[in-house]
Amino acid sequence: MNTLIARPWYREPWPWILMSGPAIVVVAGVMTAVIAWRTDDPLVTDDYYKQGLGINQELKRDSAAARMGLSAAVSFGTDRTRVRVTLAGAQLEETSLRLRLVHPTRAGFDQVVKLEPVAGGLFEGHMSAVIGDTWHLQLEDDKGVWRLTGLWKSSADGVTLGRATN
């Protein structure tokens, strides 16, 4: 007579195979929660409503630059730490300008470069080395009256911030 001896459940492979799926999901969920807790999302801002209202002011500055007929050629030195801006258009009585380099996804990489006048319409400044490939540029006056914008790929030597449109 053959008698089957029953083994305990934990010695069988099938319960372990069936429990491994849910166990992996629980571990992955805990790891995801830890990553979410330890890192922040710089794309989300606390004052999004205030920033939304500020968009209208920014558009007015772009329109002011278009009315004044402003354009600018921005060039960068070979080491990407020196910036030169040639401003064309209306005659301005500016003592200095600001160039904002805005990274599309990482606010921690953003820079503001103060540009000092060198000659008529020519401004220069120094900045930290850039990290990343694509940057949004915003050239503006000290008083916040006008603004020129453009997109710069760091593989290029420079970019033209063309005449702004309404």
C-alpha atoms as a PDB file:
ATOM      1  CA  MET A   1       0.000   0.000   0.000  1.00  0.00           C
ATOM      2  CA  ASN A   2       1.138   3.366  -0.910  1.00  0.00           C
ATOM      3  CA  THR A   3       0.554   6.069   1.575  1.00  0.00           C
ATOM      4  CA  LEU A   4       1.190   9.683   0.789  1.00  0.00           C
ATOM      5  CA  ILE A   5       2.863  11.657   3.457  1.00  0.00           C
ATOM      6  CA  ALA A   6       1.677  15.244   3.430  1.00  0.00           C
ATOM      7  CA  ARG A   7       4.410  17.817   3.718  1.00  0.00           C
ATOM      8  CA  PRO A   8       3.857  21.079   5.570  1.00  0.00           C
ATOM      9  CA  TRP A   9       2.561  23.933   3.361  1.00  0.00           C
ATOM     10  CA  TYR A  10       5.750  25.965   3.651  1.00  0.00           C
ATOM     11  CA  ARG A  11       7.711  23.136   2.023  1.00  0.00           C
ATOM     12  CA  GLU A  12       5.573  23.307  -1.104  1.00  0.00           C
ATOM     13  CA  PRO A  13       6.678  25.649  -3.942  1.00  0.00           C
ATOM     14  CA  TRP A  14       3.208  26.850  -5.013  1.00  0.00           C
ATOM     15  CA  PRO A  15       2.319  28.969  -1.976  1.00  0.00           C
ATOM     16  CA  TRP A  16       5.643  30.806  -2.298  1.00  0.00           C
ATOM     17  CA  ILE A  17       5.177  31.383  -6.002  1.00  0.00           C
ATOM     18  CA  LEU A  18       1.659  32.726  -5.425  1.00  0.00           C
ATOM     19  CA  MET A  19       2.760  35.025  -2.569  1.00  0.00           C
ATOM     20  CA  SER A  20       5.789  36.437  -4.419  1.00  0.00           C
ATOM     21  CA  GLY A  21       3.690  38.668  -6.754  1.00  0.00           C
ATOM     22  CA  PRO A  22       1.895  40.633  -4.028  1.00  0.00           C
ATOM     23  CA  ALA A  23       5.106  40.790  -1.954  1.00  0.00           C
ATOM     24  CA  ILE A  24       7.006  42.390  -4.868  1.00  0.00           C
ATOM     25  CA  VAL A  25       4.212  44.940  -5.328  1.00  0.00           C
ATOM     26  CA  VAL A  26       4.307  45.884  -1.634  1.00  0.00           C
ATOM     27  CA  VAL A  27       8.097  46.360  -1.717  1.00  0.00           C
ATOM     28  CA  ALA A  28       7.877  48.474  -4.914  1.00  0.00           C
ATOM     29  CA  GLY A  29       5.125  50.611  -3.350  1.00  0.00           C
ATOM     30  CA  VAL A  30       7.218  51.278  -0.252  1.00  0.00           C
ATOM     31  CA  MET A  31      10.239  52.188  -2.396  1.00  0.00           C
ATOM     32  CA  THR A  32       8.129  54.582  -4.482  1.00  0.00           C
ATOM     33  CA  ALA A  33       6.782  56.244  -1.335  1.00  0.00           C
ATOM     34  CA  VAL A  34      10.326  56.699   0.017  1.00  0.00           C
ATOM     35  CA  ILE A  35      11.521  58.259  -3.255  1.00  0.00           C
ATOM     36  CA  ALA A  36       8.506  60.590  -3.341  1.00  0.00           C
ATOM     37  CA  TRP A  37       9.053  61.637   0.262  1.00  0.00           C
ATOM     38  CA  ARG A  38      12.790  62.346  -0.093  1.00  0.00           C
ATOM     39  CA  THR A  39      12.722  64.306  -3.367  1.00  0.00           C
ATOM     40  CA  ASP A  40      10.778  67.417  -4.247  1.00  0.00           C
ATOM     41  CA  ASP A  41       9.167  68.375  -7.523  1.00  0.00           C
ATOM     42  CA  PRO A  42      10.510  71.784  -8.582  1.00  0.00           C
ATOM     43  CA  LEU A  43       7.861  72.057 -11.298  1.00  0.00           C
ATOM     44  CA  VAL A  44       5.112  72.502  -8.721  1.00  0.00           C
ATOM     45  CA  THR A  45       4.985  75.890  -7.026  1.00  0.00           C
ATOM     46  CA  ASP A  46       3.094  76.992  -3.945  1.00  0.00           C
ATOM     47  CA  ASP A  47       2.000  80.335  -5.360  1.00  0.00           C
ATOM     48  CA  TYR A  48       0.707  79.143  -8.729  1.00  0.00           C
ATOM     49  CA  TYR A  49      -2.255  81.543  -8.603  1.00  0.00           C
ATOM     50  CA  LYS A  50      -0.005  84.557  -8.077  1.00  0.00           C
ATOM     51  CA  GLN A  51       2.247  83.395 -10.903  1.00  0.00           C
ATOM     52  CA  GLY A  52      -0.781  82.993 -13.156  1.00  0.00           C
ATOM     53  CA  LEU A  53      -1.774  86.593 -12.515  1.00  0.00           C
ATOM     54  CA  GLY A  54       1.774  87.701 -13.257  1.00  0.00           C
ATOM     55  CA  ILE A  55       1.585  86.277 -16.785  1.00  0.00           C
ATOM     56  CA  ASN A  56      -0.412  89.309 -17.931  1.00  0.00           C
ATOM     57  CA  GLN A  57       2.341  91.628 -16.681  1.00  0.00           C
ATOM     58  CA  GLU A  58       4.960  89.562 -18.531  1.00  0.00           C
ATOM     59  CA  LEU A  59       2.975  89.800 -21.779  1.00  0.00           C
ATOM     60  CA  LYS A  60       2.823  93.581 -21.412  1.00  0.00           C
ATOM     61  CA  ARG A  61       6.618  93.666 -21.141  1.00  0.00           C
ATOM     62  CA  ASP A  62       6.944  91.572 -24.313  1.00  0.00           C
ATOM     63  CA  SER A  63       4.573  93.946 -26.113  1.00  0.00           C
ATOM     64  CA  ALA A  64       6.585  96.942 -24.919  1.00  0.00           C
ATOM     65  CA  ALA A  65       9.739  95.432 -26.431  1.00  0.00           C
ATOM     66  CA  ALA A  66       7.901  94.909 -29.726  1.00  0.00           C
ATOM     67  CA  ARG A  67       6.658  98.520 -29.770  1.00  0.00           C
ATOM     68  CA  MET A  68      10.184  99.751 -29.123  1.00  0.00           C
ATOM     69  CA  GLY A  69      11.506  97.560 -31.971  1.00  0.00           C
ATOM     70  CA  LEU A  70      14.059  95.849 -29.749  1.00  0.00           C
ATOM     71  CA  SER A  71      16.105  92.804 -30.673  1.00  0.00           C
ATOM     72  CA  ALA A  72      19.267  91.354 -29.203  1.00  0.00           C
ATOM     73  CA  ALA A  73      22.064  89.038 -30.254  1.00  0.00           C
ATOM     74  CA  VAL A  74      23.351  86.956 -27.342  1.00  0.00           C
ATOM     75  CA  SER A  75      26.709  85.194 -27.647  1.00  0.00           C
ATOM     76  CA  PHE A  76      28.629  83.081 -25.176  1.00  0.00           C
ATOM     77  CA  GLY A  77      32.359  82.631 -24.722  1.00  0.00           C
ATOM     78  CA  THR A  78      34.039  79.321 -25.440  1.00  0.00           C
ATOM     79  CA  ASP A  79      34.093  78.435 -21.738  1.00  0.00           C
ATOM     80  CA  ARG A  80      30.363  79.336 -21.411  1.00  0.00           C
ATOM     81  CA  THR A  81      31.029  81.705 -18.495  1.00  0.00           C
ATOM     82  CA  ARG A  82      31.181  84.982 -20.437  1.00  0.00           C
ATOM     83  CA  VAL A  83      28.105  86.412 -22.131  1.00  0.00           C
ATOM     84  CA  ARG A  84      27.896  89.330 -24.578  1.00  0.00           C
ATOM     85  CA  VAL A  85      24.649  90.988 -25.674  1.00  0.00           C
ATOM     86  CA  THR A  86      24.289  93.365 -28.603  1.00  0.00           C
ATOM     87  CA  LEU A  87      21.021  95.282 -28.222  1.00  0.00           C
ATOM     88  CA  ALA A  88      19.456  96.833 -31.319  1.00  0.00           C
ATOM     89  CA  GLY A  89      16.385  98.992 -31.759  1.00  0.00           C
ATOM     90  CA  ALA A  90      15.295 102.056 -29.853  1.00  0.00           C
ATOM     91  CA  GLN A  91      17.950 104.109 -28.120  1.00  0.00           C
ATOM     92  CA  LEU A  92      17.904 103.210 -24.460  1.00  0.00           C
ATOM     93  CA  GLU A  93      19.417 104.978 -21.493  1.00  0.00           C
ATOM     94  CA  GLU A  94      20.201 101.746 -19.665  1.00  0.00           C
ATOM     95  CA  THR A  95      22.950 101.452 -17.117  1.00  0.00           C
ATOM     96  CA  SER A  96      22.708  97.671 -17.035  1.00  0.00           C
ATOM     97  CA  LEU A  97      20.522  94.772 -18.150  1.00  0.00           C
ATOM     98  CA  ARG A  98      19.580  91.401 -16.665  1.00  0.00           C
ATOM     99  CA  LEU A  99      19.777  88.137 -18.546  1.00  0.00           C
ATOM    100  CA  ARG A 100      17.867  85.266 -16.985  1.00  0.00           C
ATOM    101  CA  LEU A 101      18.837  81.746 -17.973  1.00  0.00           C
ATOM    102  CA  VAL A 102      15.885  79.552 -17.066  1.00  0.00           C
ATOM    103  CA  HIS A 103      16.240  75.776 -17.172  1.00  0.00           C
ATOM    104  CA  PRO A 104      13.054  74.139 -18.518  1.00  0.00           C
ATOM    105  CA  THR A 105      12.714  71.606 -15.690  1.00  0.00           C
ATOM    106  CA  ARG A 106      15.194  72.329 -12.886  1.00  0.00           C
ATOM    107  CA  ALA A 107      14.678  75.649 -11.112  1.00  0.00           C
ATOM    108  CA  GLY A 108      17.862  75.080  -9.109  1.00  0.00           C
ATOM    109  CA  PHE A 109      19.938  75.586 -12.273  1.00  0.00           C
ATOM    110  CA  ASP A 110      18.416  79.006 -13.111  1.00  0.00           C
ATOM    111  CA  GLN A 111      20.786  81.986 -13.241  1.00  0.00           C
ATOM    112  CA  VAL A 112      20.493  85.759 -13.391  1.00  0.00           C
ATOM    113  CA  VAL A 113      23.407  87.546 -15.062  1.00  0.00           C
ATOM    114  CA  LYS A 114      23.893  91.287 -14.628  1.00  0.00           C
ATOM    115  CA  LEU A 115      25.112  92.801 -17.878  1.00  0.00           C
ATOM    116  CA  GLU A 116      27.160  95.995 -17.760  1.00  0.00           C
ATOM    117  CA  PRO A 117      27.454  98.380 -20.735  1.00  0.00           C
ATOM    118  CA  VAL A 118      30.698  98.219 -22.697  1.00  0.00           C
ATOM    119  CA  ALA A 119      29.920 100.413 -25.712  1.00  0.00           C
ATOM    120  CA  GLY A 120      26.820 101.702 -27.490  1.00  0.00           C
ATOM    121  CA  GLY A 121      24.347  98.812 -27.387  1.00  0.00           C
ATOM    122  CA  LEU A 122      26.954  96.272 -26.233  1.00  0.00           C
ATOM    123  CA  PHE A 123      26.712  94.659 -22.802  1.00  0.00           C
ATOM    124  CA  GLU A 124      28.833  92.002 -21.108  1.00  0.00           C
ATOM    125  CA  GLY A 125      28.599  89.854 -18.005  1.00  0.00           C
ATOM    126  CA  HIS A 126      29.876  86.690 -16.320  1.00  0.00           C
ATOM    127  CA  MET A 127      27.882  83.644 -15.272  1.00  0.00           C
ATOM    128  CA  SER A 128      28.349  80.196 -13.825  1.00  0.00           C
ATOM    129  CA  ALA A 129      28.900  77.342 -16.237  1.00  0.00           C
ATOM    130  CA  VAL A 130      25.640  75.998 -17.634  1.00  0.00           C
ATOM    131  CA  ILE A 131      24.449  72.459 -17.015  1.00  0.00           C
ATOM    132  CA  GLY A 132      21.990  71.042 -19.479  1.00  0.00           C
ATOM    133  CA  ASP A 133      21.230  71.413 -23.153  1.00  0.00           C
ATOM    134  CA  THR A 134      18.267  73.774 -23.555  1.00  0.00           C
ATOM    135  CA  TRP A 135      17.711  77.110 -21.832  1.00  0.00           C
ATOM    136  CA  HIS A 136      15.027  79.789 -21.975  1.00  0.00           C
ATOM    137  CA  LEU A 137      16.604  83.260 -22.103  1.00  0.00           C
ATOM    138  CA  GLN A 138      14.926  86.422 -20.825  1.00  0.00           C
ATOM    139  CA  LEU A 139      16.660  89.749 -21.426  1.00  0.00           C
ATOM    140  CA  GLU A 140      15.127  92.645 -19.491  1.00  0.00           C
ATOM    141  CA  ASP A 141      15.865  96.159 -18.341  1.00  0.00           C
ATOM    142  CA  ASP A 142      16.474  97.058 -14.697  1.00  0.00           C
ATOM    143  CA  LYS A 143      13.146  98.866 -14.391  1.00  0.00           C
ATOM    144  CA  GLY A 144      11.069  95.953 -15.676  1.00  0.00           C
ATOM    145  CA  VAL A 145       9.578  97.895 -18.599  1.00  0.00           C
ATOM    146  CA  TRP A 146      10.443  95.518 -21.462  1.00  0.00           C
ATOM    147  CA  ARG A 147      11.580  91.936 -21.979  1.00  0.00           C
ATOM    148  CA  LEU A 148      12.937  89.856 -24.868  1.00  0.00           C
ATOM    149  CA  THR A 149      12.747  86.073 -24.778  1.00  0.00           C
ATOM    150  CA  GLY A 150      14.239  83.218 -26.738  1.00  0.00           C
ATOM    151  CA  LEU A 151      15.431  79.637 -26.636  1.00  0.00           C
ATOM    152  CA  TRP A 152      19.118  78.694 -26.569  1.00  0.00           C
ATOM    153  CA  LYS A 153      20.646  75.281 -27.130  1.00  0.00           C
ATOM    154  CA  SER A 154      23.985  75.128 -25.347  1.00  0.00           C
ATOM    155  CA  SER A 155      25.577  73.469 -28.387  1.00  0.00           C
ATOM    156  CA  ALA A 156      25.203  76.815 -30.258  1.00  0.00           C
ATOM    157  CA  ASP A 157      27.507  79.800 -29.745  1.00  0.00           C
ATOM    158  CA  GLY A 158      24.630  82.234 -29.425  1.00  0.00           C
ATOM    159  CA  VAL A 159      21.037  83.102 -30.170  1.00  0.00           C
ATOM    160  CA  THR A 160      19.056  86.050 -31.469  1.00  0.00           C
ATOM    161  CA  LEU A 161      16.244  87.279 -29.268  1.00  0.00           C
ATOM    162  CA  GLY A 162      14.070  88.502 -32.103  1.00  0.00           C
ATOM    163  CA  ARG A 163      11.457  91.155 -32.103  1.00  0.00           C
ATOM    164  CA  ALA A 164       8.829  90.144 -29.579  1.00  0.00           C
ATOM    165  CA  THR A 165       5.277  89.692 -30.740  1.00  0.00           C
ATOM    166  CA  ASN A 166       2.047  90.589 -28.990  1.00  0.00           C
END
